[in-house]
Amino acid sequence: MQAAGQGAAHDARPRIKFGVQDDIAPFVMPDRHSGLLVDVLRDAMATQGVTAEFIYLPKKRTEEALRSGLVDVSTSGKPAVPLPGVFSRWPVTSFHNQAITRRAHLPRLDSVADLARYRVSAFFGAAEMLGQAYRDAALRNPRYQEPKTLQSPLLVLRQVDVVISQKDIFHYYLHRQSYQRDGDFDLAYHDIIGKPNEYWFVFRLAEQRDAFERGIAALYKSGDMDRLFERYAKAYGTSREFFQPLDCQFAAVKPKGC
């Protein structure tokens, strides 16, 4: 577990502690105390005169951190899972996991069951999160792996056939890790995993939720949200997909699928 706070010790502004998943760069980058999600939360709360602090945790511990009082906000809530506190009025983030292949080698995947036949590297915890059909395919596949850190270059190096990941996270690790490209680099993205996983925020207090939602609205109104997206797109090639639920609520031009 890592923690990060912003502001000087004499800062008398109210504070709010967010529990954020620690392995989803470029959305959360604990070593830099930044990331698209971290920056959005920090800037949104600043518009309300509130200082945001961040506790970096494995995803499995974010809910318990709220129950124990370690954090004020869990960023991975689901309405079907009871938690103490108040849910956001709408989902905030969306994880659209896909099966990613080298097009020249594997241009088509028809179903999750196909994954049982190939060398697959998935994000850590995928088999627990992506449903029974996915879990069955993983259990049938002796060449299935879930490394602690996503190994995107293995696909380009032809050491695996499929990587399971959200595409922005895949590309972050692809460009961060050192490797030598081997042949054709054209990638194919297969929507066989299912619908995106949407996550609500769960706040200890209704007042905290209301301040957060006002802050997000303020970022969109001022254009600061677009500027954050542009900065991360330039630095990491990050898309807006992760925050599609917010774009559906606040963007002047709604994305498809709202």
C-alpha atoms as a PDB file:
ATOM      1  CA  MET A   1       0.000   0.000   0.000  1.00  0.00           C
ATOM      2  CA  GLN A   2       1.191   3.472  -0.860  1.00  0.00           C
ATOM      3  CA  ALA A   3      -0.240   6.842   0.122  1.00  0.00           C
ATOM      4  CA  ALA A   4       0.115  10.278  -1.371  1.00  0.00           C
ATOM      5  CA  GLY A   5      -1.149  13.624  -0.161  1.00  0.00           C
ATOM      6  CA  GLN A   6      -1.047  17.010  -1.768  1.00  0.00           C
ATOM      7  CA  GLY A   7      -0.613  20.390  -0.167  1.00  0.00           C
ATOM      8  CA  ALA A   8       1.445  21.845   2.612  1.00  0.00           C
ATOM      9  CA  ALA A   9       1.038  20.802   6.212  1.00  0.00           C
ATOM     10  CA  HIS A  10      -0.606  24.139   7.083  1.00  0.00           C
ATOM     11  CA  ASP A  11      -3.288  23.726   4.398  1.00  0.00           C
ATOM     12  CA  ALA A  12      -6.573  24.073   6.287  1.00  0.00           C
ATOM     13  CA  ARG A  13      -8.786  22.971   3.407  1.00  0.00           C
ATOM     14  CA  PRO A  14     -10.941  19.880   3.944  1.00  0.00           C
ATOM     15  CA  ARG A  15      -9.425  16.642   2.676  1.00  0.00           C
ATOM     16  CA  ILE A  16     -10.803  13.541   1.037  1.00  0.00           C
ATOM     17  CA  LYS A  17      -8.985  10.210   0.704  1.00  0.00           C
ATOM     18  CA  PHE A  18      -9.555   8.193  -2.467  1.00  0.00           C
ATOM     19  CA  GLY A  19      -8.675   4.499  -2.590  1.00  0.00           C
ATOM     20  CA  VAL A  20      -7.392   3.875  -6.118  1.00  0.00           C
ATOM     21  CA  GLN A  21      -6.224   0.712  -7.856  1.00  0.00           C
ATOM     22  CA  ASP A  22      -2.438   0.648  -8.024  1.00  0.00           C
ATOM     23  CA  ASP A  23      -1.787  -1.210 -11.302  1.00  0.00           C
ATOM     24  CA  ILE A  24      -3.763   0.581 -14.020  1.00  0.00           C
ATOM     25  CA  ALA A  25      -1.259   2.963 -15.622  1.00  0.00           C
ATOM     26  CA  PRO A  26      -1.659   5.420 -17.334  1.00  0.00           C
ATOM     27  CA  PHE A  27      -4.795   6.035 -15.241  1.00  0.00           C
ATOM     28  CA  VAL A  28      -3.012   5.597 -11.905  1.00  0.00           C
ATOM     29  CA  MET A  29       0.791   5.845 -11.637  1.00  0.00           C
ATOM     30  CA  PRO A  30       1.753   5.582  -7.938  1.00  0.00           C
ATOM     31  CA  ASP A  31       5.458   6.165  -8.533  1.00  0.00           C
ATOM     32  CA  ARG A  32       4.644   9.580 -10.023  1.00  0.00           C
ATOM     33  CA  HIS A  33       1.646  10.400  -7.820  1.00  0.00           C
ATOM     34  CA  SER A  34      -0.264  11.051 -11.022  1.00  0.00           C
ATOM     35  CA  GLY A  35      -2.217   9.369 -13.799  1.00  0.00           C
ATOM     36  CA  LEU A  36      -5.310  10.438 -15.707  1.00  0.00           C
ATOM     37  CA  LEU A  37      -7.690   9.271 -12.959  1.00  0.00           C
ATOM     38  CA  VAL A  38      -5.574  10.804 -10.183  1.00  0.00           C
ATOM     39  CA  ASP A  39      -5.294  14.138 -11.997  1.00  0.00           C
ATOM     40  CA  VAL A  40      -9.022  14.285 -12.742  1.00  0.00           C
ATOM     41  CA  LEU A  41      -9.912  13.582  -9.101  1.00  0.00           C
ATOM     42  CA  ARG A  42      -7.343  16.044  -7.770  1.00  0.00           C
ATOM     43  CA  ASP A  43      -8.484  18.838 -10.095  1.00  0.00           C
ATOM     44  CA  ALA A  44     -12.200  18.142  -9.594  1.00  0.00           C
ATOM     45  CA  MET A  45     -11.926  18.367  -5.813  1.00  0.00           C
ATOM     46  CA  ALA A  46      -9.740  21.478  -6.055  1.00  0.00           C
ATOM     47  CA  THR A  47     -12.618  23.301  -7.763  1.00  0.00           C
ATOM     48  CA  GLN A  48     -14.599  22.684  -4.567  1.00  0.00           C
ATOM     49  CA  GLY A  49     -11.834  23.818  -2.217  1.00  0.00           C
ATOM     50  CA  VAL A  50     -11.053  20.238  -1.167  1.00  0.00           C
ATOM     51  CA  THR A  51      -7.609  18.606  -1.155  1.00  0.00           C
ATOM     52  CA  ALA A  52      -7.556  15.092  -2.629  1.00  0.00           C
ATOM     53  CA  GLU A  53      -5.292  12.442  -1.129  1.00  0.00           C
ATOM     54  CA  PHE A  54      -4.693   9.031  -2.674  1.00  0.00           C
ATOM     55  CA  ILE A  55      -4.174   5.602  -1.136  1.00  0.00           C
ATOM     56  CA  TYR A  56      -2.809   3.179  -3.748  1.00  0.00           C
ATOM     57  CA  LEU A  57      -4.152  -0.342  -3.237  1.00  0.00           C
ATOM     58  CA  PRO A  58      -4.641  -3.671  -5.014  1.00  0.00           C
ATOM     59  CA  LYS A  59      -8.166  -3.759  -6.418  1.00  0.00           C
ATOM     60  CA  LYS A  60      -9.241  -6.454  -3.943  1.00  0.00           C
ATOM     61  CA  ARG A  61      -8.493  -4.125  -1.023  1.00  0.00           C
ATOM     62  CA  THR A  62     -10.290  -0.969  -2.151  1.00  0.00           C
ATOM     63  CA  GLU A  63     -13.660  -2.048  -0.749  1.00  0.00           C
ATOM     64  CA  GLU A  64     -12.206  -3.141   2.595  1.00  0.00           C
ATOM     65  CA  ALA A  65     -10.329   0.158   2.810  1.00  0.00           C
ATOM     66  CA  LEU A  66     -13.683   1.965   2.751  1.00  0.00           C
ATOM     67  CA  ARG A  67     -15.218  -0.372   5.331  1.00  0.00           C
ATOM     68  CA  SER A  68     -12.258   0.052   7.681  1.00  0.00           C
ATOM     69  CA  GLY A  69     -12.134   3.834   7.378  1.00  0.00           C
ATOM     70  CA  LEU A  70      -8.733   3.911   5.677  1.00  0.00           C
ATOM     71  CA  VAL A  71     -10.255   5.851   2.766  1.00  0.00           C
ATOM     72  CA  ASP A  72     -13.290   8.076   2.249  1.00  0.00           C
ATOM     73  CA  VAL A  73     -13.988   6.860  -1.279  1.00  0.00           C
ATOM     74  CA  SER A  74     -13.823   3.497  -3.019  1.00  0.00           C
ATOM     75  CA  THR A  75     -13.323   3.935  -6.761  1.00  0.00           C
ATOM     76  CA  SER A  76     -14.361   0.391  -7.730  1.00  0.00           C
ATOM     77  CA  GLY A  77     -17.930   0.086  -6.483  1.00  0.00           C
ATOM     78  CA  LYS A  78     -20.718  -1.976  -8.022  1.00  0.00           C
ATOM     79  CA  PRO A  79     -24.379  -1.394  -7.092  1.00  0.00           C
ATOM     80  CA  ALA A  80     -24.837  -5.150  -6.643  1.00  0.00           C
ATOM     81  CA  VAL A  81     -22.170  -5.218  -3.908  1.00  0.00           C
ATOM     82  CA  PRO A  82     -23.342  -3.516  -0.690  1.00  0.00           C
ATOM     83  CA  LEU A  83     -20.862  -1.069   0.803  1.00  0.00           C
ATOM     84  CA  PRO A  84     -21.217   1.426   3.651  1.00  0.00           C
ATOM     85  CA  GLY A  85     -21.750   4.911   2.323  1.00  0.00           C
ATOM     86  CA  VAL A  86     -23.322   6.606  -0.680  1.00  0.00           C
ATOM     87  CA  PHE A  87     -22.921   5.579  -4.317  1.00  0.00           C
ATOM     88  CA  SER A  88     -22.248   8.100  -7.062  1.00  0.00           C
ATOM     89  CA  ARG A  89     -25.355   8.847  -9.123  1.00  0.00           C
ATOM     90  CA  TRP A  90     -23.785   7.316 -12.224  1.00  0.00           C
ATOM     91  CA  PRO A  91     -20.783   5.129 -13.089  1.00  0.00           C
ATOM     92  CA  VAL A  92     -17.506   7.032 -13.314  1.00  0.00           C
ATOM     93  CA  THR A  93     -15.032   4.727 -15.079  1.00  0.00           C
ATOM     94  CA  SER A  94     -15.262   1.939 -17.628  1.00  0.00           C
ATOM     95  CA  PHE A  95     -12.862  -0.930 -18.329  1.00  0.00           C
ATOM     96  CA  HIS A  96     -13.336  -2.288 -21.846  1.00  0.00           C
ATOM     97  CA  ASN A  97     -11.128  -5.364 -21.892  1.00  0.00           C
ATOM     98  CA  GLN A  98     -10.332  -6.877 -25.258  1.00  0.00           C
ATOM     99  CA  ALA A  99      -8.378  -9.758 -26.748  1.00  0.00           C
ATOM    100  CA  ILE A 100      -5.447  -8.184 -28.608  1.00  0.00           C
ATOM    101  CA  THR A 101      -3.541 -10.083 -31.306  1.00  0.00           C
ATOM    102  CA  ARG A 102      -1.063  -9.509 -34.112  1.00  0.00           C
ATOM    103  CA  ARG A 103      -3.306  -9.239 -37.150  1.00  0.00           C
ATOM    104  CA  ALA A 104      -0.893 -11.111 -39.430  1.00  0.00           C
ATOM    105  CA  HIS A 105      -0.801 -14.075 -37.060  1.00  0.00           C
ATOM    106  CA  LEU A 106      -4.331 -14.184 -35.639  1.00  0.00           C
ATOM    107  CA  PRO A 107      -6.750 -11.895 -37.494  1.00  0.00           C
ATOM    108  CA  ARG A 108      -9.942 -13.360 -36.048  1.00  0.00           C
ATOM    109  CA  LEU A 109     -11.314 -14.626 -32.744  1.00  0.00           C
ATOM    110  CA  ASP A 110     -14.973 -15.608 -32.631  1.00  0.00           C
ATOM    111  CA  SER A 111     -15.579 -16.282 -28.949  1.00  0.00           C
ATOM    112  CA  VAL A 112     -14.010 -16.503 -25.520  1.00  0.00           C
ATOM    113  CA  ALA A 113     -13.833 -20.280 -25.988  1.00  0.00           C
ATOM    114  CA  ASP A 114     -11.233 -19.719 -28.728  1.00  0.00           C
ATOM    115  CA  LEU A 115      -8.785 -18.521 -26.073  1.00  0.00           C
ATOM    116  CA  ALA A 116      -8.302 -22.095 -24.867  1.00  0.00           C
ATOM    117  CA  ARG A 117      -6.312 -22.853 -28.038  1.00  0.00           C
ATOM    118  CA  TYR A 118      -3.700 -20.091 -27.883  1.00  0.00           C
ATOM    119  CA  ARG A 119      -0.875 -18.746 -25.746  1.00  0.00           C
ATOM    120  CA  VAL A 120      -2.639 -16.090 -23.670  1.00  0.00           C
ATOM    121  CA  SER A 121      -1.230 -13.453 -21.311  1.00  0.00           C
ATOM    122  CA  ALA A 122      -3.868 -11.549 -19.339  1.00  0.00           C
ATOM    123  CA  PHE A 123      -3.903  -8.854 -16.700  1.00  0.00           C
ATOM    124  CA  PHE A 124      -3.570 -10.134 -13.143  1.00  0.00           C
ATOM    125  CA  GLY A 125      -6.934 -11.308 -11.796  1.00  0.00           C
ATOM    126  CA  ALA A 126      -8.621 -11.569 -15.198  1.00  0.00           C
ATOM    127  CA  ALA A 127      -9.937 -15.096 -14.648  1.00  0.00           C
ATOM    128  CA  GLU A 128     -11.727 -13.952 -11.485  1.00  0.00           C
ATOM    129  CA  MET A 129     -13.257 -10.869 -13.081  1.00  0.00           C
ATOM    130  CA  LEU A 130     -14.295 -11.716 -16.638  1.00  0.00           C
ATOM    131  CA  GLY A 131     -17.050 -14.260 -16.151  1.00  0.00           C
ATOM    132  CA  GLN A 132     -17.511 -18.018 -16.151  1.00  0.00           C
ATOM    133  CA  ALA A 133     -16.973 -18.591 -19.883  1.00  0.00           C
ATOM    134  CA  TYR A 134     -13.647 -16.796 -19.701  1.00  0.00           C
ATOM    135  CA  ARG A 135     -12.670 -18.672 -16.544  1.00  0.00           C
ATOM    136  CA  ASP A 136     -13.502 -22.000 -18.203  1.00  0.00           C
ATOM    137  CA  ALA A 137     -11.329 -21.158 -21.218  1.00  0.00           C
ATOM    138  CA  ALA A 138      -8.456 -20.164 -18.939  1.00  0.00           C
ATOM    139  CA  LEU A 139      -8.711 -23.389 -16.920  1.00  0.00           C
ATOM    140  CA  ARG A 140      -8.624 -25.482 -20.099  1.00  0.00           C
ATOM    141  CA  ASN A 141      -5.516 -23.711 -21.357  1.00  0.00           C
ATOM    142  CA  PRO A 142      -2.126 -24.845 -19.977  1.00  0.00           C
ATOM    143  CA  ARG A 143      -0.529 -21.891 -21.804  1.00  0.00           C
ATOM    144  CA  TYR A 144      -2.601 -19.252 -20.021  1.00  0.00           C
ATOM    145  CA  GLN A 145      -0.798 -16.804 -17.711  1.00  0.00           C
ATOM    146  CA  GLU A 146      -1.544 -13.746 -15.572  1.00  0.00           C
ATOM    147  CA  PRO A 147       1.746 -11.987 -14.740  1.00  0.00           C
ATOM    148  CA  LYS A 148       1.782  -9.374 -11.988  1.00  0.00           C
ATOM    149  CA  THR A 149       2.752  -6.715 -14.539  1.00  0.00           C
ATOM    150  CA  LEU A 150       1.130  -6.789 -17.966  1.00  0.00           C
ATOM    151  CA  GLN A 151       3.676  -8.005 -20.525  1.00  0.00           C
ATOM    152  CA  SER A 152       2.458  -6.276 -23.685  1.00  0.00           C
ATOM    153  CA  PRO A 153       5.743  -6.725 -25.623  1.00  0.00           C
ATOM    154  CA  LEU A 154       5.365 -10.521 -25.485  1.00  0.00           C
ATOM    155  CA  LEU A 155       2.747 -10.179 -28.212  1.00  0.00           C
ATOM    156  CA  VAL A 156       5.030  -8.214 -30.511  1.00  0.00           C
ATOM    157  CA  LEU A 157       7.887 -10.613 -29.784  1.00  0.00           C
ATOM    158  CA  ARG A 158       5.631 -13.553 -30.768  1.00  0.00           C
ATOM    159  CA  GLN A 159       6.025 -15.174 -27.354  1.00  0.00           C
ATOM    160  CA  VAL A 160       2.246 -15.132 -26.831  1.00  0.00           C
ATOM    161  CA  ASP A 161      -0.655 -15.136 -29.277  1.00  0.00           C
ATOM    162  CA  VAL A 162      -3.167 -13.059 -27.307  1.00  0.00           C
ATOM    163  CA  VAL A 163      -3.011 -10.365 -24.641  1.00  0.00           C
ATOM    164  CA  ILE A 164      -6.126  -9.597 -22.578  1.00  0.00           C
ATOM    165  CA  SER A 165      -6.202  -5.958 -21.523  1.00  0.00           C
ATOM    166  CA  GLN A 166      -7.842  -2.571 -21.728  1.00  0.00           C
ATOM    167  CA  LYS A 167      -6.191  -1.065 -24.803  1.00  0.00           C
ATOM    168  CA  ASP A 168      -4.788   2.095 -23.165  1.00  0.00           C
ATOM    169  CA  ILE A 169      -3.150   0.023 -20.427  1.00  0.00           C
ATOM    170  CA  PHE A 170      -1.805  -2.376 -23.071  1.00  0.00           C
ATOM    171  CA  HIS A 171      -0.201   0.452 -25.033  1.00  0.00           C
ATOM    172  CA  TYR A 172       1.232   2.089 -21.919  1.00  0.00           C
ATOM    173  CA  TYR A 173       3.161  -1.059 -21.007  1.00  0.00           C
ATOM    174  CA  LEU A 174       4.030  -1.756 -24.644  1.00  0.00           C
ATOM    175  CA  HIS A 175       5.872   1.546 -24.960  1.00  0.00           C
ATOM    176  CA  ARG A 176       7.289   1.539 -21.416  1.00  0.00           C
ATOM    177  CA  GLN A 177       9.056  -1.803 -21.603  1.00  0.00           C
ATOM    178  CA  SER A 178      12.234  -2.357 -23.618  1.00  0.00           C
ATOM    179  CA  TYR A 179      12.043  -4.818 -26.496  1.00  0.00           C
ATOM    180  CA  GLN A 180      12.963  -5.194 -30.146  1.00  0.00           C
ATOM    181  CA  ARG A 181      10.058  -5.459 -32.538  1.00  0.00           C
ATOM    182  CA  ASP A 182       9.834  -8.641 -34.548  1.00  0.00           C
ATOM    183  CA  GLY A 183       8.113  -8.299 -37.905  1.00  0.00           C
ATOM    184  CA  ASP A 184       4.569  -7.071 -38.503  1.00  0.00           C
ATOM    185  CA  PHE A 185       3.276  -4.775 -35.751  1.00  0.00           C
ATOM    186  CA  ASP A 186      -0.338  -4.355 -36.948  1.00  0.00           C
ATOM    187  CA  LEU A 187      -2.682  -5.194 -34.061  1.00  0.00           C
ATOM    188  CA  ALA A 188      -6.256  -6.483 -34.004  1.00  0.00           C
ATOM    189  CA  TYR A 189      -8.707  -5.853 -31.148  1.00  0.00           C
ATOM    190  CA  HIS A 190     -11.373  -8.499 -30.603  1.00  0.00           C
ATOM    191  CA  ASP A 191     -14.557  -7.724 -28.641  1.00  0.00           C
ATOM    192  CA  ILE A 192     -15.171 -11.227 -27.335  1.00  0.00           C
ATOM    193  CA  ILE A 193     -14.850 -10.604 -23.582  1.00  0.00           C
ATOM    194  CA  GLY A 194     -18.252  -9.006 -23.029  1.00  0.00           C
ATOM    195  CA  LYS A 195     -19.560  -5.588 -22.122  1.00  0.00           C
ATOM    196  CA  PRO A 196     -17.251  -3.045 -20.469  1.00  0.00           C
ATOM    197  CA  ASN A 197     -17.050  -3.202 -16.676  1.00  0.00           C
ATOM    198  CA  GLU A 198     -18.389   0.068 -15.292  1.00  0.00           C
ATOM    199  CA  TYR A 199     -17.489   1.222 -11.793  1.00  0.00           C
ATOM    200  CA  TRP A 200     -19.266   3.583  -9.432  1.00  0.00           C
ATOM    201  CA  PHE A 201     -17.585   5.545  -6.658  1.00  0.00           C
ATOM    202  CA  VAL A 202     -18.754   4.934  -3.093  1.00  0.00           C
ATOM    203  CA  PHE A 203     -18.394   7.848  -0.656  1.00  0.00           C
ATOM    204  CA  ARG A 204     -18.477   7.806   3.106  1.00  0.00           C
ATOM    205  CA  LEU A 205     -20.729  10.897   3.131  1.00  0.00           C
ATOM    206  CA  ALA A 206     -23.326  12.306   0.756  1.00  0.00           C
ATOM    207  CA  GLU A 207     -21.637  15.711   1.051  1.00  0.00           C
ATOM    208  CA  GLN A 208     -18.432  14.211  -0.361  1.00  0.00           C
ATOM    209  CA  ARG A 209     -20.295  12.687  -3.285  1.00  0.00           C
ATOM    210  CA  ASP A 210     -22.032  15.967  -4.045  1.00  0.00           C
ATOM    211  CA  ALA A 211     -18.743  17.906  -3.957  1.00  0.00           C
ATOM    212  CA  PHE A 212     -17.145  15.363  -6.288  1.00  0.00           C
ATOM    213  CA  GLU A 213     -19.992  15.521  -8.787  1.00  0.00           C
ATOM    214  CA  ARG A 214     -19.983  19.328  -8.750  1.00  0.00           C
ATOM    215  CA  GLY A 215     -16.232  19.234  -9.312  1.00  0.00           C
ATOM    216  CA  ILE A 216     -16.508  16.927 -12.320  1.00  0.00           C
ATOM    217  CA  ALA A 217     -19.199  19.154 -13.815  1.00  0.00           C
ATOM    218  CA  ALA A 218     -16.918  22.162 -13.292  1.00  0.00           C
ATOM    219  CA  LEU A 219     -14.022  20.465 -15.132  1.00  0.00           C
ATOM    220  CA  TYR A 220     -16.205  19.824 -18.159  1.00  0.00           C
ATOM    221  CA  LYS A 221     -17.689  23.320 -18.136  1.00  0.00           C
ATOM    222  CA  SER A 222     -14.283  25.034 -17.945  1.00  0.00           C
ATOM    223  CA  GLY A 223     -12.688  22.873 -20.628  1.00  0.00           C
ATOM    224  CA  ASP A 224     -10.133  21.531 -18.141  1.00  0.00           C
ATOM    225  CA  MET A 225     -11.362  17.969 -18.681  1.00  0.00           C
ATOM    226  CA  ASP A 226     -10.598  18.215 -22.392  1.00  0.00           C
ATOM    227  CA  ARG A 227      -7.169  19.645 -21.607  1.00  0.00           C
ATOM    228  CA  LEU A 228      -6.401  16.696 -19.328  1.00  0.00           C
ATOM    229  CA  PHE A 229      -7.457  14.258 -22.043  1.00  0.00           C
ATOM    230  CA  GLU A 230      -5.288  16.086 -24.579  1.00  0.00           C
ATOM    231  CA  ARG A 231      -2.260  15.997 -22.274  1.00  0.00           C
ATOM    232  CA  TYR A 232      -2.505  12.245 -21.714  1.00  0.00           C
ATOM    233  CA  ALA A 233      -3.238  11.573 -25.377  1.00  0.00           C
ATOM    234  CA  LYS A 234      -0.053  13.428 -26.299  1.00  0.00           C
ATOM    235  CA  ALA A 235       2.082  11.750 -23.615  1.00  0.00           C
ATOM    236  CA  TYR A 236       0.738   8.181 -23.785  1.00  0.00           C
ATOM    237  CA  GLY A 237      -1.738   7.961 -26.665  1.00  0.00           C
ATOM    238  CA  THR A 238      -4.542   7.548 -24.120  1.00  0.00           C
ATOM    239  CA  SER A 239      -8.123   7.565 -25.412  1.00  0.00           C
ATOM    240  CA  ARG A 240     -11.241   8.891 -23.656  1.00  0.00           C
ATOM    241  CA  GLU A 241     -12.712   5.393 -23.332  1.00  0.00           C
ATOM    242  CA  PHE A 242     -11.908   4.961 -19.626  1.00  0.00           C
ATOM    243  CA  PHE A 243     -14.103   7.961 -18.774  1.00  0.00           C
ATOM    244  CA  GLN A 244     -16.907   7.230 -21.239  1.00  0.00           C
ATOM    245  CA  PRO A 245     -19.518   7.238 -18.424  1.00  0.00           C
ATOM    246  CA  LEU A 246     -18.510  10.825 -17.561  1.00  0.00           C
ATOM    247  CA  ASP A 247     -18.536  11.859 -21.219  1.00  0.00           C
ATOM    248  CA  CYS A 248     -22.052  10.414 -21.438  1.00  0.00           C
ATOM    249  CA  GLN A 249     -23.104  12.666 -18.564  1.00  0.00           C
ATOM    250  CA  PHE A 250     -21.233  15.880 -19.310  1.00  0.00           C
ATOM    251  CA  ALA A 251     -19.618  16.058 -22.766  1.00  0.00           C
ATOM    252  CA  ALA A 252     -21.185  18.430 -25.281  1.00  0.00           C
ATOM    253  CA  VAL A 253     -20.953  15.682 -27.910  1.00  0.00           C
ATOM    254  CA  LYS A 254     -21.928  12.327 -26.430  1.00  0.00           C
ATOM    255  CA  PRO A 255     -19.881   9.258 -27.433  1.00  0.00           C
ATOM    256  CA  LYS A 256     -21.516   6.270 -29.065  1.00  0.00           C
ATOM    257  CA  GLY A 257     -22.995   3.798 -26.641  1.00  0.00           C
ATOM    258  CA  CYS A 258     -24.393   6.282 -24.109  1.00  0.00           C
END
